[in-house]
N, C-alpha and C. Protein backbone atom coordinates (compact mmCIF):
# COMPACT_ATOMS: atom_id res chain seq x y z
N MET A 1 67.55 96.99 72.95
CA MET A 1 68.94 97.30 73.17
C MET A 1 69.46 98.13 72.01
N GLU A 2 70.14 99.19 72.33
CA GLU A 2 70.71 100.04 71.30
C GLU A 2 72.21 99.76 71.19
N PHE A 3 72.69 99.54 69.98
CA PHE A 3 74.09 99.23 69.75
C PHE A 3 74.87 100.48 69.36
N ILE A 4 76.12 100.54 69.77
CA ILE A 4 77.02 101.62 69.36
C ILE A 4 77.53 101.27 67.97
N LYS A 5 77.47 102.21 67.06
CA LYS A 5 77.84 101.93 65.68
C LYS A 5 79.09 102.67 65.21
N GLN A 6 79.49 103.71 65.92
CA GLN A 6 80.67 104.48 65.52
C GLN A 6 81.93 103.83 66.11
N PRO A 7 82.92 103.55 65.25
CA PRO A 7 84.13 102.87 65.72
C PRO A 7 84.82 103.54 66.92
N MET A 8 84.96 104.84 66.90
CA MET A 8 85.62 105.52 68.01
C MET A 8 84.81 105.43 69.29
N ALA A 9 83.51 105.46 69.18
CA ALA A 9 82.64 105.33 70.35
C ALA A 9 82.73 103.92 70.93
N ILE A 10 82.85 102.94 70.06
CA ILE A 10 83.01 101.55 70.51
C ILE A 10 84.33 101.41 71.27
N GLU A 11 85.40 101.95 70.70
CA GLU A 11 86.71 101.88 71.35
C GLU A 11 86.68 102.60 72.70
N HIS A 12 86.10 103.77 72.73
CA HIS A 12 86.02 104.54 73.98
C HIS A 12 85.28 103.74 75.06
N ARG A 13 84.16 103.14 74.69
CA ARG A 13 83.38 102.35 75.64
C ARG A 13 84.16 101.13 76.10
N SER A 14 84.88 100.49 75.19
CA SER A 14 85.70 99.34 75.55
C SER A 14 86.74 99.72 76.60
N MET A 15 87.39 100.86 76.41
CA MET A 15 88.41 101.31 77.36
C MET A 15 87.78 101.64 78.71
N GLU A 16 86.56 102.16 78.71
CA GLU A 16 85.84 102.41 79.96
C GLU A 16 85.58 101.11 80.71
N LEU A 17 85.25 100.07 79.98
CA LEU A 17 84.97 98.77 80.59
C LEU A 17 86.25 98.11 81.13
N ILE A 18 87.36 98.36 80.49
CA ILE A 18 88.65 97.78 80.90
C ILE A 18 89.23 98.51 82.11
N ALA A 19 89.05 99.81 82.20
CA ALA A 19 89.68 100.65 83.23
C ALA A 19 89.55 100.11 84.66
N PRO A 20 88.39 99.66 85.11
CA PRO A 20 88.30 99.17 86.49
C PRO A 20 89.22 97.98 86.78
N TYR A 21 89.55 97.21 85.78
CA TYR A 21 90.42 96.05 85.97
C TYR A 21 91.88 96.46 86.13
N LEU A 22 92.19 97.69 85.75
CA LEU A 22 93.55 98.20 85.90
C LEU A 22 93.71 99.07 87.14
N ALA A 23 92.60 99.45 87.73
CA ALA A 23 92.60 100.41 88.84
C ALA A 23 93.46 99.99 90.02
N GLY A 24 93.48 98.73 90.35
CA GLY A 24 94.23 98.27 91.52
C GLY A 24 95.70 98.00 91.26
N LEU A 25 96.12 98.17 90.02
CA LEU A 25 97.51 97.90 89.66
C LEU A 25 98.33 99.18 89.73
N SER A 26 99.59 99.06 90.06
CA SER A 26 100.48 100.22 90.13
C SER A 26 101.07 100.47 88.76
N LEU A 27 100.34 101.22 87.94
CA LEU A 27 100.77 101.48 86.57
C LEU A 27 100.82 102.97 86.31
N SER A 28 101.79 103.38 85.50
CA SER A 28 101.82 104.76 85.02
C SER A 28 100.71 104.92 83.99
N GLU A 29 100.42 106.14 83.61
CA GLU A 29 99.39 106.37 82.59
C GLU A 29 99.77 105.71 81.27
N ALA A 30 101.04 105.78 80.92
CA ALA A 30 101.50 105.15 79.68
C ALA A 30 101.34 103.63 79.75
N GLU A 31 101.66 103.05 80.90
CA GLU A 31 101.51 101.60 81.06
C GLU A 31 100.04 101.21 81.01
N LYS A 32 99.16 102.03 81.56
CA LYS A 32 97.72 101.74 81.50
C LYS A 32 97.25 101.68 80.05
N LYS A 33 97.79 102.55 79.22
CA LYS A 33 97.41 102.54 77.80
C LYS A 33 97.86 101.25 77.12
N VAL A 34 99.09 100.82 77.43
CA VAL A 34 99.60 99.58 76.85
C VAL A 34 98.78 98.38 77.33
N TYR A 35 98.54 98.31 78.64
CA TYR A 35 97.76 97.21 79.20
C TYR A 35 96.35 97.20 78.59
N SER A 36 95.75 98.38 78.47
CA SER A 36 94.40 98.48 77.90
C SER A 36 94.37 97.93 76.48
N ARG A 37 95.38 98.26 75.71
CA ARG A 37 95.44 97.79 74.31
C ARG A 37 95.63 96.28 74.25
N ILE A 38 96.47 95.74 75.14
CA ILE A 38 96.67 94.29 75.18
C ILE A 38 95.36 93.59 75.51
N ILE A 39 94.69 94.08 76.54
CA ILE A 39 93.43 93.48 76.98
C ILE A 39 92.36 93.63 75.90
N HIS A 40 92.30 94.79 75.27
CA HIS A 40 91.33 95.04 74.21
C HIS A 40 91.55 94.08 73.05
N ALA A 41 92.80 93.90 72.66
CA ALA A 41 93.12 93.01 71.54
C ALA A 41 92.80 91.55 71.88
N ALA A 42 93.07 91.18 73.13
CA ALA A 42 92.82 89.80 73.56
C ALA A 42 91.34 89.56 73.85
N GLY A 43 90.64 90.61 74.23
CA GLY A 43 89.24 90.47 74.58
C GLY A 43 89.02 89.77 75.92
N ASP A 44 90.03 89.87 76.80
CA ASP A 44 89.94 89.16 78.09
C ASP A 44 90.50 90.03 79.21
N VAL A 45 89.62 90.58 80.03
CA VAL A 45 90.04 91.46 81.12
C VAL A 45 90.80 90.72 82.21
N GLU A 46 90.71 89.41 82.23
CA GLU A 46 91.43 88.64 83.25
C GLU A 46 92.94 88.61 83.02
N TYR A 47 93.38 89.13 81.90
CA TYR A 47 94.82 89.28 81.65
C TYR A 47 95.43 90.39 82.51
N ALA A 48 94.62 91.33 82.95
CA ALA A 48 95.13 92.51 83.65
C ALA A 48 96.16 92.21 84.73
N PRO A 49 95.90 91.31 85.68
CA PRO A 49 96.89 91.10 86.74
C PRO A 49 98.08 90.22 86.35
N ILE A 50 98.03 89.60 85.17
CA ILE A 50 99.14 88.71 84.81
C ILE A 50 100.06 89.27 83.73
N ILE A 51 99.70 90.41 83.15
CA ILE A 51 100.56 91.04 82.14
C ILE A 51 101.80 91.58 82.85
N ARG A 52 102.95 91.37 82.25
CA ARG A 52 104.19 91.92 82.78
C ARG A 52 104.97 92.55 81.63
N ILE A 53 105.42 93.77 81.83
CA ILE A 53 106.29 94.43 80.86
C ILE A 53 107.50 94.96 81.61
N SER A 54 108.62 95.10 80.93
CA SER A 54 109.81 95.62 81.59
C SER A 54 109.64 97.11 81.88
N GLU A 55 110.44 97.60 82.79
CA GLU A 55 110.36 99.01 83.18
C GLU A 55 110.62 99.97 82.03
N THR A 56 111.38 99.50 81.05
CA THR A 56 111.75 100.36 79.93
C THR A 56 110.94 100.09 78.65
N ALA A 57 109.97 99.20 78.75
CA ALA A 57 109.22 98.78 77.57
C ALA A 57 108.49 99.93 76.88
N VAL A 58 107.80 100.75 77.66
CA VAL A 58 107.02 101.85 77.07
C VAL A 58 107.95 102.85 76.39
N ALA A 59 109.01 103.23 77.07
CA ALA A 59 109.96 104.19 76.50
C ALA A 59 110.62 103.62 75.24
N ALA A 60 110.95 102.34 75.26
CA ALA A 60 111.57 101.70 74.09
C ALA A 60 110.58 101.66 72.92
N GLY A 61 109.33 101.39 73.22
CA GLY A 61 108.31 101.38 72.17
C GLY A 61 108.13 102.75 71.55
N ILE A 62 108.09 103.78 72.38
CA ILE A 62 107.95 105.15 71.88
C ILE A 62 109.15 105.54 71.05
N ALA A 63 110.34 105.17 71.51
CA ALA A 63 111.57 105.51 70.79
C ALA A 63 111.64 104.80 69.43
N ALA A 64 111.09 103.61 69.37
CA ALA A 64 111.13 102.83 68.11
C ALA A 64 110.23 103.49 67.09
């Protein structure tokens, strides 16, 4: 087994693994990024269908 050693490559692969769990959800691209980060930090893809954010959360975060 060959391991990925570059941090950015690890992150990219992690996001690839998370993406299918978000595919069935009605999310904007910005929301997908937030959900992906939450799931990545938690290390649990089963959070995908239970995460809830307000409609203005992404815009408020960007503005902050």
